[in-house]
Amino acid sequence: MPIQAAKGRILRWGAVKDHLRTVLAENRIPDDEPVVLKFPRQLAKRKIVNREKKCRVCWVTTPENFASFHAARSRVIEEVGNPVIADKLIAEFLSKAPEGMWKRMEELGDESG
């Protein structure tokens, strides 16, 4: 007798354990049968922990600038081998830029372009 749940109803772990005991005792499921177990509360806890660890950077830009920035970032990641360390190095590099450097670079870009 397969374990039944009403449409949209979540089964409780106790019911699943009882069903598994029966099925295992009767040896009804082959060893190579695929199985997916999802525990909603455990998944929710994991998502919260992951959300607390991760930070996202978001800014408004053009598609060309986005592609250019991420191409440069990908080169650094490829060389370093670790995206977290690469991002840290990029941030350190940007923070050590001399005062007024970005304005001068923008002006140079305007003159040449």
Foldseek 3Di string as FASTA:
>chain_A
DDDDDPVPDDDDPVSVVVVVVVCVVVVPDDPPDDDDDDDVVVVVVVVVVVVVVDDDDDDDDDPVVVVVVVVVLVVQCVVVVHSVVSVVVVVVVVVPDDPPPVVVVVVVVVVVD
